[in-house]
Structures are given as C-alpha cells and as structure tokens.
Amino acid sequence: MRTIEHYLFKQLAFVRGQTLKLMDGVTEETADRIPDGFRNTIRWQLGHIYVVLERFAFQYLGLPIRLPEGFKEQFEYGTTPLNWPDSALVPTLPELENLLKDQQGRIRDVLDLRMHEKIVPPYTTSAGMTLETPEQFLSFNLYHEGMHISIIKLYKILLRDSSSM
C-alpha cells in the first residue's frame, strides 16, 4: 500500500479545480456561443479537456476509457461544434462537470502504482513532445488543460462583452 501520494495527483486536482471554477456563471446558452474569429465553444473546451485526459491517462496504457456516446466525434483534436450534426448528443454542463470531477479519482485509483510504466510505442503529441510513462502524460496534461483554461477565460470575457452590445 502506497503511503505517499504522487505529487502530480495534487497538481492535477488543483488544475481541474480551476477548470471547474470557470464553469461558475456559465449558462447552457453561453456555453454554446462561439466568439467571433474562433471555431469552438466553452462546452467544446470542457469536453475536449475530458477526452484528452482520458486518452492520456488510460488509452495509451491499454486501459478502458470512459467516453460517452459521441464524445470522440465532438471533442477530439480538430473537431468543432460548427460540424456537429443536428442530432448530436450534446452533454449538458452538469454532465460535463460530473465527468470532469469523477475523472480525477479514477486516474488516481488506476495509475497510483503505475506512474513509471513504459508505454510502447511512445506517443508524440501534436506539439512535438514525446511521452513514455503515465507520469509524463499527466505532467503534459497540466500544460494542455492550462492552455484550455486560458481559452475559456478569454471566451468568457469576449462573450460577456459581446452580449452587452
């Protein structure tokens, strides 16, 4: 039994807490608005954060991932709500919030004793970073989620300003 928690779990929890705080005050309608000059929404940002961490934490280790129906098609890298079919099963904000909250505990439970396992073959991100262990994937996720946190903050400002015009 492990007595010292890996530092990354605390960092992941902190960053996820920041993501969840950003959801405060966001309505379903605001979550689906695309600021001028952009191609995604706050809802897309949240779903994308969830999908990418599922891949990083579980898929590349060959572990089962939890992706609700339609998530891969809606929230994977390169997707946009502009291309979602009218029949798309779009998750509500409370559904996204629950998925984002639950994900942290699952990651800690499954990866606690596997942080240094080698992943074969290694994975190279779209940014060019090569990752070989769960520890490296989770560390890189701090950057990825932080980047999307900044985008959500920007969207909230842009959408607030455009709604008052």
Foldseek 3Di string as FASTA:
>chain_A
DDDDFDPLLVLLVVLLVLLLVLCPPQAQVQQADDFPPDFAGVLLLLLQLLVLVQCLQAVLVVHDGDDPPPSCQDRHPPHGPVPDDPPGPRDGPVVSSVSSVVVSVVSCVPCRPFQAPFGPPWDADPVGDTDTGSVRSSVVSSVVSVVSSVVSVVSVVSSVVVVVD
